Amino acid sequence: MTALLSDTKSILIAGPTASGKSSLAIEIAKHVNGAIINADALQVYEGWSVLSARPPQEDLEQCPHYMYGHVAMDHAYSAGEWLRDIQKQLDICAERKERPIIVGGTGLYFSSLTQGLAHIPDVPASVRAEADQMISDHGRNVFASILENEDPETYARIDVQNPARTQRAWEVLRATGISLSRWQDETDAPLLAENDAHLFSLISETDWLNERIDRRFDIMLELGALEECQVAIDAGWWDENQPSCKAIGAKELISYLQGDMDLTDAIEAAKLQSRRYAKRQRTWFRGRMKDWQKLHLSDSKFDLTKIL
């Protein structure tokens, strides 16, 4: 059984959307002089506060939070950049004698941190433009079938239900002539090896999580999700093909604001996409985090003191 108070190792908490990982991290931080570091690919962007479920002010006041909302919306922030940022942040935490608690739902961030990251060359703008045109002509699922035929090894490794992942794999293959799987096989030593950290993966009953997802989206609407989407339109940076614009629910709510969808239908579609996203996250964590300690926050008998 993990005992967090017995050493000074970093604490990693991975879990699907709405699973309660942020609240757990804050409770742990209170006991270990912890600082929470973001490992969510949407919460890094400055434009999404409500729809990305970024920690509210009352959470920020309970313990230090880092790497939230620090990236411009027009920037295609990569896992490599996140890794460089977190290396700097870990150094800062060491100077301040703060215990790092790395929290999020982006599996790629955790795997790059604990298993290393391949040095894949940047994809040229021309290839990105070609990919965007393919999406426009054939839809976002176009890349999965191409990879299945042209790069079966990568196809077998990645989440082919995630259009962003299949697009990325196709772009790498198109730009470099080398499959993403081969690039991944040539990685540096990890910044934080798994045996040098406490590793937690949150799991829960599907019905419990889906209910929380639906309820949280209703709360997001009360907190200003529609207004946040209107800002995205007015500011001119909304582009559903941009990495920053993958916030779950944004596309549906903006469709409503642009007159293309009824509000009730938009809300139901957004909730459905959130539940599907959580399912993909659970699949990733189950397959890639087999050795991480599983925590059942949905269990009313969960006792934080058992891991402290």
C-alpha atoms as a PDB file:
ATOM      1  CA  MET A   1       0.000   0.000   0.000  1.00  0.00           C
ATOM      2  CA  THR A   2       1.286   3.440  -0.959  1.00  0.00           C
ATOM      3  CA  ALA A   3       2.299   5.707   1.917  1.00  0.00           C
ATOM      4  CA  LEU A   4       2.599   9.265   0.653  1.00  0.00           C
ATOM      5  CA  LEU A   5       3.903  10.709   3.893  1.00  0.00           C
ATOM      6  CA  SER A   6       6.923   8.411   4.060  1.00  0.00           C
ATOM      7  CA  ASP A   7       8.998  10.096   1.313  1.00  0.00           C
ATOM      8  CA  THR A   8       9.155  13.093  -1.010  1.00  0.00           C
ATOM      9  CA  LYS A   9       8.407  11.424  -4.347  1.00  0.00           C
ATOM     10  CA  SER A  10       6.217  13.160  -6.908  1.00  0.00           C
ATOM     11  CA  ILE A  11       2.574  12.061  -6.956  1.00  0.00           C
ATOM     12  CA  LEU A  12       0.837  11.345 -10.262  1.00  0.00           C
ATOM     13  CA  ILE A  13      -2.962  11.180 -10.493  1.00  0.00           C
ATOM     14  CA  ALA A  14      -4.542  10.160 -13.798  1.00  0.00           C
ATOM     15  CA  GLY A  15      -8.241   9.782 -14.409  1.00  0.00           C
ATOM     16  CA  PRO A  16     -11.027  10.376 -16.899  1.00  0.00           C
ATOM     17  CA  THR A  17     -12.947  13.623 -17.050  1.00  0.00           C
ATOM     18  CA  ALA A  18     -15.198  14.334 -14.046  1.00  0.00           C
ATOM     19  CA  SER A  19     -13.718  11.453 -12.029  1.00  0.00           C
ATOM     20  CA  GLY A  20     -12.787  13.618  -9.027  1.00  0.00           C
ATOM     21  CA  LYS A  21      -9.027  13.736  -9.532  1.00  0.00           C
ATOM     22  CA  SER A  22      -8.701  17.484  -8.888  1.00  0.00           C
ATOM     23  CA  SER A  23     -10.511  17.285  -5.552  1.00  0.00           C
ATOM     24  CA  LEU A  24      -8.393  14.302  -4.533  1.00  0.00           C
ATOM     25  CA  ALA A  25      -5.213  16.171  -5.482  1.00  0.00           C
ATOM     26  CA  ILE A  26      -6.161  19.153  -3.324  1.00  0.00           C
ATOM     27  CA  GLU A  27      -6.880  16.928  -0.328  1.00  0.00           C
ATOM     28  CA  ILE A  28      -3.512  15.212  -0.746  1.00  0.00           C
ATOM     29  CA  ALA A  29      -1.753  18.568  -1.216  1.00  0.00           C
ATOM     30  CA  LYS A  30      -3.007  19.734   2.172  1.00  0.00           C
ATOM     31  CA  HIS A  31      -1.210  16.845   3.868  1.00  0.00           C
ATOM     32  CA  VAL A  32       2.079  16.861   1.935  1.00  0.00           C
ATOM     33  CA  ASN A  33       2.696  20.572   1.213  1.00  0.00           C
ATOM     34  CA  GLY A  34       1.835  19.799  -2.383  1.00  0.00           C
ATOM     35  CA  ALA A  35       1.692  21.875  -5.547  1.00  0.00           C
ATOM     36  CA  ILE A  36      -0.632  20.738  -8.321  1.00  0.00           C
ATOM     37  CA  ILE A  37       0.778  20.641 -11.855  1.00  0.00           C
ATOM     38  CA  ASN A  38      -1.551  20.324 -14.822  1.00  0.00           C
ATOM     39  CA  ALA A  39      -1.438  17.267 -17.101  1.00  0.00           C
ATOM     40  CA  ASP A  40      -4.522  18.039 -19.182  1.00  0.00           C
ATOM     41  CA  ALA A  41      -4.054  19.049 -22.817  1.00  0.00           C
ATOM     42  CA  LEU A  42      -7.024  21.462 -22.890  1.00  0.00           C
ATOM     43  CA  GLN A  43      -6.545  23.112 -19.518  1.00  0.00           C
ATOM     44  CA  VAL A  44      -3.218  24.539 -20.695  1.00  0.00           C
ATOM     45  CA  TYR A  45      -5.034  26.929 -23.066  1.00  0.00           C
ATOM     46  CA  GLU A  46      -5.880  30.427 -21.888  1.00  0.00           C
ATOM     47  CA  GLY A  47      -9.250  30.586 -23.647  1.00  0.00           C
ATOM     48  CA  TRP A  48     -10.936  27.634 -21.957  1.00  0.00           C
ATOM     49  CA  SER A  49     -11.635  28.140 -18.292  1.00  0.00           C
ATOM     50  CA  VAL A  50     -15.176  26.798 -17.954  1.00  0.00           C
ATOM     51  CA  LEU A  51     -15.342  24.185 -20.725  1.00  0.00           C
ATOM     52  CA  SER A  52     -11.988  22.631 -19.830  1.00  0.00           C
ATOM     53  CA  ALA A  53     -13.026  22.477 -16.145  1.00  0.00           C
ATOM     54  CA  ARG A  54      -9.962  24.435 -15.116  1.00  0.00           C
ATOM     55  CA  PRO A  55      -9.672  24.757 -11.307  1.00  0.00           C
ATOM     56  CA  PRO A  56     -11.848  27.629 -10.027  1.00  0.00           C
ATOM     57  CA  GLN A  57     -10.527  30.410  -7.813  1.00  0.00           C
ATOM     58  CA  GLU A  58     -11.557  28.671  -4.598  1.00  0.00           C
ATOM     59  CA  ASP A  59      -9.370  25.687  -5.549  1.00  0.00           C
ATOM     60  CA  LEU A  60      -6.440  27.892  -6.540  1.00  0.00           C
ATOM     61  CA  GLU A  61      -6.529  29.467  -3.097  1.00  0.00           C
ATOM     62  CA  GLN A  62      -6.157  26.120  -1.299  1.00  0.00           C
ATOM     63  CA  CYS A  63      -2.737  25.189  -2.719  1.00  0.00           C
ATOM     64  CA  PRO A  64      -0.379  26.228  -5.542  1.00  0.00           C
ATOM     65  CA  HIS A  65      -1.494  25.325  -9.082  1.00  0.00           C
ATOM     66  CA  TYR A  66       0.828  25.479 -12.095  1.00  0.00           C
ATOM     67  CA  MET A  67       0.644  25.234 -15.890  1.00  0.00           C
ATOM     68  CA  TYR A  68      -3.021  26.148 -16.245  1.00  0.00           C
ATOM     69  CA  GLY A  69      -4.132  28.579 -18.960  1.00  0.00           C
ATOM     70  CA  HIS A  70      -0.587  29.524 -19.920  1.00  0.00           C
ATOM     71  CA  VAL A  71      -0.721  28.727 -23.670  1.00  0.00           C
ATOM     72  CA  ALA A  72      -2.111  30.991 -26.413  1.00  0.00           C
ATOM     73  CA  MET A  73      -5.112  29.664 -28.321  1.00  0.00           C
ATOM     74  CA  ASP A  74      -3.401  29.846 -31.709  1.00  0.00           C
ATOM     75  CA  HIS A  75      -0.472  27.696 -30.579  1.00  0.00           C
ATOM     76  CA  ALA A  76      -0.345  23.959 -31.354  1.00  0.00           C
ATOM     77  CA  TYR A  77       1.053  22.953 -27.979  1.00  0.00           C
ATOM     78  CA  SER A  78       2.767  19.556 -28.092  1.00  0.00           C
ATOM     79  CA  ALA A  79       3.587  16.844 -25.589  1.00  0.00           C
ATOM     80  CA  GLY A  80       7.239  17.742 -26.060  1.00  0.00           C
ATOM     81  CA  GLU A  81       6.567  21.343 -25.029  1.00  0.00           C
ATOM     82  CA  TRP A  82       4.572  20.155 -22.030  1.00  0.00           C
ATOM     83  CA  LEU A  83       7.507  17.943 -21.040  1.00  0.00           C
ATOM     84  CA  ARG A  84       9.927  20.870 -21.245  1.00  0.00           C
ATOM     85  CA  ASP A  85       7.546  23.065 -19.241  1.00  0.00           C
ATOM     86  CA  ILE A  86       7.056  20.485 -16.522  1.00  0.00           C
ATOM     87  CA  GLN A  87      10.803  19.937 -16.204  1.00  0.00           C
ATOM     88  CA  LYS A  88      11.156  23.635 -15.393  1.00  0.00           C
ATOM     89  CA  GLN A  89       8.197  23.462 -13.037  1.00  0.00           C
ATOM     90  CA  LEU A  90       9.616  20.495 -11.147  1.00  0.00           C
ATOM     91  CA  ASP A  91      12.818  22.479 -10.611  1.00  0.00           C
ATOM     92  CA  ILE A  92      10.777  25.406  -9.278  1.00  0.00           C
ATOM     93  CA  CYS A  93       8.887  23.121  -6.910  1.00  0.00           C
ATOM     94  CA  ALA A  94      12.183  21.754  -5.628  1.00  0.00           C
ATOM     95  CA  GLU A  95      13.431  25.275  -4.918  1.00  0.00           C
ATOM     96  CA  ARG A  96      10.198  26.119  -3.084  1.00  0.00           C
ATOM     97  CA  LYS A  97      10.145  22.767  -1.260  1.00  0.00           C
ATOM     98  CA  GLU A  98       6.734  21.969  -2.719  1.00  0.00           C
ATOM     99  CA  ARG A  99       5.715  18.346  -3.361  1.00  0.00           C
ATOM    100  CA  PRO A 100       4.743  17.939  -7.053  1.00  0.00           C
ATOM    101  CA  ILE A 101       1.276  16.465  -7.614  1.00  0.00           C
ATOM    102  CA  ILE A 102       0.811  15.977 -11.356  1.00  0.00           C
ATOM    103  CA  VAL A 103      -2.867  15.692 -12.234  1.00  0.00           C
ATOM    104  CA  GLY A 104      -4.785  15.262 -15.475  1.00  0.00           C
ATOM    105  CA  GLY A 105      -6.509  13.134 -18.038  1.00  0.00           C
ATOM    106  CA  THR A 106      -4.093  13.273 -20.968  1.00  0.00           C
ATOM    107  CA  GLY A 107      -2.494   9.857 -21.157  1.00  0.00           C
ATOM    108  CA  LEU A 108       0.156  10.973 -23.640  1.00  0.00           C
ATOM    109  CA  TYR A 109       1.499  13.494 -21.145  1.00  0.00           C
ATOM    110  CA  PHE A 110       1.878  10.847 -18.452  1.00  0.00           C
ATOM    111  CA  SER A 111       3.499   8.324 -20.782  1.00  0.00           C
ATOM    112  CA  SER A 112       5.975  10.897 -22.097  1.00  0.00           C
ATOM    113  CA  LEU A 113       6.840  11.864 -18.531  1.00  0.00           C
ATOM    114  CA  THR A 114       7.343   8.344 -17.179  1.00  0.00           C
ATOM    115  CA  GLN A 115       8.440   6.456 -20.309  1.00  0.00           C
ATOM    116  CA  GLY A 116      10.207   9.080 -22.409  1.00  0.00           C
ATOM    117  CA  LEU A 117       9.246  10.895 -25.587  1.00  0.00           C
ATOM    118  CA  ALA A 118      10.472  10.420 -29.135  1.00  0.00           C
ATOM    119  CA  HIS A 119      12.090  13.422 -30.814  1.00  0.00           C
ATOM    120  CA  ILE A 120       9.757  13.660 -33.807  1.00  0.00           C
ATOM    121  CA  PRO A 121      10.519  16.537 -36.205  1.00  0.00           C
ATOM    122  CA  ASP A 122       7.959  19.325 -36.434  1.00  0.00           C
ATOM    123  CA  VAL A 123       5.280  18.752 -39.060  1.00  0.00           C
ATOM    124  CA  PRO A 124       5.523  21.381 -41.836  1.00  0.00           C
ATOM    125  CA  ALA A 125       2.625  23.777 -42.258  1.00  0.00           C
ATOM    126  CA  SER A 126       2.039  22.401 -45.748  1.00  0.00           C
ATOM    127  CA  VAL A 127       1.387  18.905 -44.388  1.00  0.00           C
ATOM    128  CA  ARG A 128      -0.935  20.294 -41.699  1.00  0.00           C
ATOM    129  CA  ALA A 129      -2.818  22.190 -44.406  1.00  0.00           C
ATOM    130  CA  GLU A 130      -3.077  19.025 -46.481  1.00  0.00           C
ATOM    131  CA  ALA A 131      -4.503  17.178 -43.481  1.00  0.00           C
ATOM    132  CA  ASP A 132      -7.032  19.930 -42.849  1.00  0.00           C
ATOM    133  CA  GLN A 133      -8.157  19.753 -46.471  1.00  0.00           C
ATOM    134  CA  MET A 134      -8.564  15.984 -46.190  1.00  0.00           C
ATOM    135  CA  ILE A 135     -10.778  16.500 -43.143  1.00  0.00           C
ATOM    136  CA  SER A 136     -12.835  19.045 -45.058  1.00  0.00           C
ATOM    137  CA  ASP A 137     -13.248  16.673 -48.015  1.00  0.00           C
ATOM    138  CA  HIS A 138     -13.688  13.339 -46.236  1.00  0.00           C
ATOM    139  CA  GLY A 139     -14.357  13.946 -42.525  1.00  0.00           C
ATOM    140  CA  ARG A 140     -12.208  13.567 -39.413  1.00  0.00           C
ATOM    141  CA  ASN A 141     -12.117   9.763 -39.589  1.00  0.00           C
ATOM    142  CA  VAL A 142     -10.290   9.722 -42.924  1.00  0.00           C
ATOM    143  CA  PHE A 143      -6.867   9.000 -41.413  1.00  0.00           C
ATOM    144  CA  ALA A 144      -7.751   5.796 -39.566  1.00  0.00           C
ATOM    145  CA  SER A 145      -8.410   3.811 -42.732  1.00  0.00           C
ATOM    146  CA  ILE A 146      -5.250   5.177 -44.374  1.00  0.00           C
ATOM    147  CA  LEU A 147      -3.133   4.156 -41.389  1.00  0.00           C
ATOM    148  CA  GLU A 148      -4.700   0.703 -41.301  1.00  0.00           C
ATOM    149  CA  ASN A 149      -3.410   0.110 -44.844  1.00  0.00           C
ATOM    150  CA  GLU A 150      -0.185   2.124 -44.882  1.00  0.00           C
ATOM    151  CA  ASP A 151       1.019   1.966 -41.272  1.00  0.00           C
ATOM    152  CA  PRO A 152      -0.593  -1.034 -39.545  1.00  0.00           C
ATOM    153  CA  GLU A 153       1.919  -1.033 -36.668  1.00  0.00           C
ATOM    154  CA  THR A 154       0.986   2.489 -35.604  1.00  0.00           C
ATOM    155  CA  TYR A 155      -2.686   1.716 -36.253  1.00  0.00           C
ATOM    156  CA  ALA A 156      -2.467  -1.153 -33.784  1.00  0.00           C
ATOM    157  CA  ARG A 157      -0.882   1.030 -31.086  1.00  0.00           C
ATOM    158  CA  ILE A 158      -2.928   4.220 -31.031  1.00  0.00           C
ATOM    159  CA  ASP A 159      -6.505   5.033 -30.134  1.00  0.00           C
ATOM    160  CA  VAL A 160      -7.970   4.933 -33.651  1.00  0.00           C
ATOM    161  CA  GLN A 161     -11.283   6.259 -32.322  1.00  0.00           C
ATOM    162  CA  ASN A 162      -9.535   9.539 -31.526  1.00  0.00           C
ATOM    163  CA  PRO A 163      -9.336  11.655 -34.719  1.00  0.00           C
ATOM    164  CA  ALA A 164      -6.597  13.868 -33.282  1.00  0.00           C
ATOM    165  CA  ARG A 165      -4.361  10.842 -32.707  1.00  0.00           C
ATOM    166  CA  THR A 166      -4.921   9.377 -36.179  1.00  0.00           C
ATOM    167  CA  GLN A 167      -4.351  12.757 -37.800  1.00  0.00           C
ATOM    168  CA  ARG A 168      -1.101  13.189 -35.876  1.00  0.00           C
ATOM    169  CA  ALA A 169       0.098   9.715 -36.924  1.00  0.00           C
ATOM    170  CA  TRP A 170      -0.713  10.399 -40.571  1.00  0.00           C
ATOM    171  CA  GLU A 171       1.020  13.790 -40.487  1.00  0.00           C
ATOM    172  CA  VAL A 172       4.200  12.263 -39.042  1.00  0.00           C
ATOM    173  CA  LEU A 173       4.208   9.534 -41.662  1.00  0.00           C
ATOM    174  CA  ARG A 174       3.536  12.035 -44.456  1.00  0.00           C
ATOM    175  CA  ALA A 175       6.165  14.526 -43.280  1.00  0.00           C
ATOM    176  CA  THR A 176       9.002  12.158 -42.370  1.00  0.00           C
ATOM    177  CA  GLY A 177       8.333   8.957 -44.282  1.00  0.00           C
ATOM    178  CA  ILE A 178       8.783   7.144 -40.958  1.00  0.00           C
ATOM    179  CA  SER A 179       5.918   5.727 -38.932  1.00  0.00           C
ATOM    180  CA  LEU A 180       4.987   7.218 -35.590  1.00  0.00           C
ATOM    181  CA  SER A 181       5.523   3.820 -33.962  1.00  0.00           C
ATOM    182  CA  ARG A 182       9.140   3.739 -35.155  1.00  0.00           C
ATOM    183  CA  TRP A 183       9.753   7.238 -33.825  1.00  0.00           C
ATOM    184  CA  GLN A 184       8.241   6.200 -30.499  1.00  0.00           C
ATOM    185  CA  ASP A 185      10.559   3.213 -30.281  1.00  0.00           C
ATOM    186  CA  GLU A 186      13.523   5.610 -30.244  1.00  0.00           C
ATOM    187  CA  THR A 187      12.969   7.526 -27.032  1.00  0.00           C
ATOM    188  CA  ASP A 188      15.155   9.172 -24.414  1.00  0.00           C
ATOM    189  CA  ALA A 189      15.187   8.146 -20.790  1.00  0.00           C
ATOM    190  CA  PRO A 190      12.084   9.386 -18.965  1.00  0.00           C
ATOM    191  CA  LEU A 191      12.157  12.605 -16.999  1.00  0.00           C
ATOM    192  CA  LEU A 192      10.434  10.863 -14.082  1.00  0.00           C
ATOM    193  CA  ALA A 193      10.697   7.068 -13.987  1.00  0.00           C
ATOM    194  CA  GLU A 194       7.646   5.233 -12.661  1.00  0.00           C
ATOM    195  CA  ASN A 195       9.530   3.800  -9.687  1.00  0.00           C
ATOM    196  CA  ASP A 196      10.467   7.331  -8.646  1.00  0.00           C
ATOM    197  CA  ALA A 197       6.857   8.435  -8.206  1.00  0.00           C
ATOM    198  CA  HIS A 198       3.584   7.429  -6.573  1.00  0.00           C
ATOM    199  CA  LEU A 199       1.201   6.455  -9.369  1.00  0.00           C
ATOM    200  CA  PHE A 200      -2.579   6.560  -9.058  1.00  0.00           C
ATOM    201  CA  SER A 201      -5.170   5.783 -11.717  1.00  0.00           C
ATOM    202  CA  LEU A 202      -8.801   6.581 -10.885  1.00  0.00           C
ATOM    203  CA  ILE A 203     -11.420   4.062 -11.893  1.00  0.00           C
ATOM    204  CA  SER A 204     -15.171   4.102 -11.346  1.00  0.00           C
ATOM    205  CA  GLU A 205     -18.471   2.573 -12.340  1.00  0.00           C
ATOM    206  CA  THR A 206     -19.580   3.793 -15.761  1.00  0.00           C
ATOM    207  CA  ASP A 207     -23.042   4.896 -14.603  1.00  0.00           C
ATOM    208  CA  TRP A 208     -21.549   6.857 -11.681  1.00  0.00           C
ATOM    209  CA  LEU A 209     -19.115   8.661 -13.957  1.00  0.00           C
ATOM    210  CA  ASN A 210     -21.669   9.371 -16.692  1.00  0.00           C
ATOM    211  CA  GLU A 211     -24.005  10.931 -14.167  1.00  0.00           C
ATOM    212  CA  ARG A 212     -21.189  13.176 -12.935  1.00  0.00           C
ATOM    213  CA  ILE A 213     -20.295  14.138 -16.513  1.00  0.00           C
ATOM    214  CA  ASP A 214     -23.870  15.158 -17.301  1.00  0.00           C
ATOM    215  CA  ARG A 215     -24.271  17.064 -14.039  1.00  0.00           C
ATOM    216  CA  ARG A 216     -20.973  18.870 -14.490  1.00  0.00           C
ATOM    217  CA  PHE A 217     -21.907  20.007 -17.985  1.00  0.00           C
ATOM    218  CA  ASP A 218     -25.103  21.526 -16.600  1.00  0.00           C
ATOM    219  CA  ILE A 219     -22.978  23.368 -14.053  1.00  0.00           C
ATOM    220  CA  MET A 220     -20.645  24.545 -16.830  1.00  0.00           C
ATOM    221  CA  LEU A 221     -23.608  26.131 -18.585  1.00  0.00           C
ATOM    222  CA  GLU A 222     -24.539  27.939 -15.367  1.00  0.00           C
ATOM    223  CA  LEU A 223     -20.945  29.156 -15.014  1.00  0.00           C
ATOM    224  CA  GLY A 224     -20.841  30.668 -18.501  1.00  0.00           C
ATOM    225  CA  ALA A 225     -19.879  27.992 -21.043  1.00  0.00           C
ATOM    226  CA  LEU A 226     -22.050  29.607 -23.729  1.00  0.00           C
ATOM    227  CA  GLU A 227     -20.528  32.999 -23.055  1.00  0.00           C
ATOM    228  CA  GLU A 228     -17.049  31.488 -23.268  1.00  0.00           C
ATOM    229  CA  CYS A 229     -17.911  30.031 -26.681  1.00  0.00           C
ATOM    230  CA  GLN A 230     -19.266  33.384 -27.845  1.00  0.00           C
ATOM    231  CA  VAL A 231     -15.940  34.970 -26.891  1.00  0.00           C
ATOM    232  CA  ALA A 232     -14.194  32.349 -29.044  1.00  0.00           C
ATOM    233  CA  ILE A 233     -16.340  33.348 -32.014  1.00  0.00           C
ATOM    234  CA  ASP A 234     -15.998  37.090 -31.441  1.00  0.00           C
ATOM    235  CA  ALA A 235     -12.228  36.903 -30.934  1.00  0.00           C
ATOM    236  CA  GLY A 236     -11.821  35.105 -34.251  1.00  0.00           C
ATOM    237  CA  TRP A 237      -9.730  32.218 -32.983  1.00  0.00           C
ATOM    238  CA  TRP A 238     -12.385  29.521 -33.185  1.00  0.00           C
ATOM    239  CA  ASP A 239     -11.289  26.837 -35.643  1.00  0.00           C
ATOM    240  CA  GLU A 240     -12.412  23.300 -34.863  1.00  0.00           C
ATOM    241  CA  ASN A 241      -9.283  21.904 -36.562  1.00  0.00           C
ATOM    242  CA  GLN A 242      -6.967  23.697 -34.113  1.00  0.00           C
ATOM    243  CA  PRO A 243      -5.668  21.609 -31.172  1.00  0.00           C
ATOM    244  CA  SER A 244      -6.835  24.349 -28.804  1.00  0.00           C
ATOM    245  CA  CYS A 245     -10.424  24.007 -30.026  1.00  0.00           C
ATOM    246  CA  LYS A 246     -10.954  20.375 -29.009  1.00  0.00           C
ATOM    247  CA  ALA A 247     -12.631  21.279 -25.716  1.00  0.00           C
ATOM    248  CA  ILE A 248     -15.484  18.831 -25.346  1.00  0.00           C
ATOM    249  CA  GLY A 249     -18.778  20.620 -25.929  1.00  0.00           C
ATOM    250  CA  ALA A 250     -17.322  23.665 -27.659  1.00  0.00           C
ATOM    251  CA  LYS A 251     -18.229  22.534 -31.167  1.00  0.00           C
ATOM    252  CA  GLU A 252     -21.801  21.736 -30.188  1.00  0.00           C
ATOM    253  CA  LEU A 253     -22.405  24.954 -28.257  1.00  0.00           C
ATOM    254  CA  ILE A 254     -20.892  27.037 -31.033  1.00  0.00           C
ATOM    255  CA  SER A 255     -23.157  25.262 -33.521  1.00  0.00           C
ATOM    256  CA  TYR A 256     -26.071  26.484 -31.404  1.00  0.00           C
ATOM    257  CA  LEU A 257     -24.698  30.033 -31.233  1.00  0.00           C
ATOM    258  CA  GLN A 258     -24.282  30.066 -35.009  1.00  0.00           C
ATOM    259  CA  GLY A 259     -27.864  28.942 -35.517  1.00  0.00           C
ATOM    260  CA  ASP A 260     -27.046  25.448 -36.780  1.00  0.00           C
ATOM    261  CA  MET A 261     -28.379  23.490 -33.798  1.00  0.00           C
ATOM    262  CA  ASP A 262     -31.142  23.642 -31.210  1.00  0.00           C
ATOM    263  CA  LEU A 263     -29.801  24.311 -27.693  1.00  0.00           C
ATOM    264  CA  THR A 264     -31.316  21.148 -26.197  1.00  0.00           C
ATOM    265  CA  ASP A 265     -29.805  19.044 -28.987  1.00  0.00           C
ATOM    266  CA  ALA A 266     -26.451  20.809 -28.598  1.00  0.00           C
ATOM    267  CA  ILE A 267     -26.356  20.084 -24.871  1.00  0.00           C
ATOM    268  CA  GLU A 268     -27.261  16.424 -25.316  1.00  0.00           C
ATOM    269  CA  ALA A 269     -24.672  16.037 -28.098  1.00  0.00           C
ATOM    270  CA  ALA A 270     -22.005  17.669 -25.912  1.00  0.00           C
ATOM    271  CA  LYS A 271     -22.787  15.356 -23.002  1.00  0.00           C
ATOM    272  CA  LEU A 272     -22.609  12.353 -25.324  1.00  0.00           C
ATOM    273  CA  GLN A 273     -19.210  13.451 -26.618  1.00  0.00           C
ATOM    274  CA  SER A 274     -17.998  13.883 -23.030  1.00  0.00           C
ATOM    275  CA  ARG A 275     -19.087  10.367 -22.122  1.00  0.00           C
ATOM    276  CA  ARG A 276     -17.385   8.966 -25.222  1.00  0.00           C
ATOM    277  CA  TYR A 277     -14.220  10.885 -24.395  1.00  0.00           C
ATOM    278  CA  ALA A 278     -14.229   9.446 -20.867  1.00  0.00           C
ATOM    279  CA  LYS A 279     -14.592   5.969 -22.331  1.00  0.00           C
ATOM    280  CA  ARG A 280     -11.511   6.526 -24.526  1.00  0.00           C
ATOM    281  CA  GLN A 281      -9.584   7.787 -21.520  1.00  0.00           C
ATOM    282  CA  ARG A 282     -10.520   4.729 -19.473  1.00  0.00           C
ATOM    283  CA  THR A 283      -9.407   2.476 -22.317  1.00  0.00           C
ATOM    284  CA  TRP A 284      -6.027   4.247 -22.477  1.00  0.00           C
ATOM    285  CA  PHE A 285      -5.449   4.099 -18.724  1.00  0.00           C
ATOM    286  CA  ARG A 286      -6.505   0.456 -18.523  1.00  0.00           C
ATOM    287  CA  GLY A 287      -4.085  -0.519 -21.297  1.00  0.00           C
ATOM    288  CA  ARG A 288      -1.135   1.743 -20.474  1.00  0.00           C
ATOM    289  CA  MET A 289      -1.272   2.071 -16.678  1.00  0.00           C
ATOM    290  CA  LYS A 290      -1.600  -1.535 -15.583  1.00  0.00           C
ATOM    291  CA  ASP A 291       0.945  -1.137 -12.782  1.00  0.00           C
ATOM    292  CA  TRP A 292      -0.538   2.083 -11.377  1.00  0.00           C
ATOM    293  CA  GLN A 293      -2.429   1.834  -8.098  1.00  0.00           C
ATOM    294  CA  LYS A 294      -6.178   1.889  -8.763  1.00  0.00           C
ATOM    295  CA  LEU A 295      -8.390   4.136  -6.658  1.00  0.00           C
ATOM    296  CA  HIS A 296     -12.171   3.806  -6.605  1.00  0.00           C
ATOM    297  CA  LEU A 297     -13.422   7.269  -5.692  1.00  0.00           C
ATOM    298  CA  SER A 298     -16.951   6.175  -6.565  1.00  0.00           C
ATOM    299  CA  ASP A 299     -16.819   3.804  -3.617  1.00  0.00           C
ATOM    300  CA  SER A 300     -18.449   5.455  -0.609  1.00  0.00           C
ATOM    301  CA  LYS A 301     -15.930   3.607   1.561  1.00  0.00           C
ATOM    302  CA  PHE A 302     -12.913   5.351  -0.042  1.00  0.00           C
ATOM    303  CA  ASP A 303     -10.597   6.457   2.727  1.00  0.00           C
ATOM    304  CA  LEU A 304      -7.830   8.940   1.892  1.00  0.00           C
ATOM    305  CA  THR A 305      -5.904   8.069   5.050  1.00  0.00           C
ATOM    306  CA  LYS A 306      -5.198   4.602   3.653  1.00  0.00           C
ATOM    307  CA  ILE A 307      -2.817   6.043   1.062  1.00  0.00           C
ATOM    308  CA  LEU A 308      -1.262   8.819   3.139  1.00  0.00           C
END
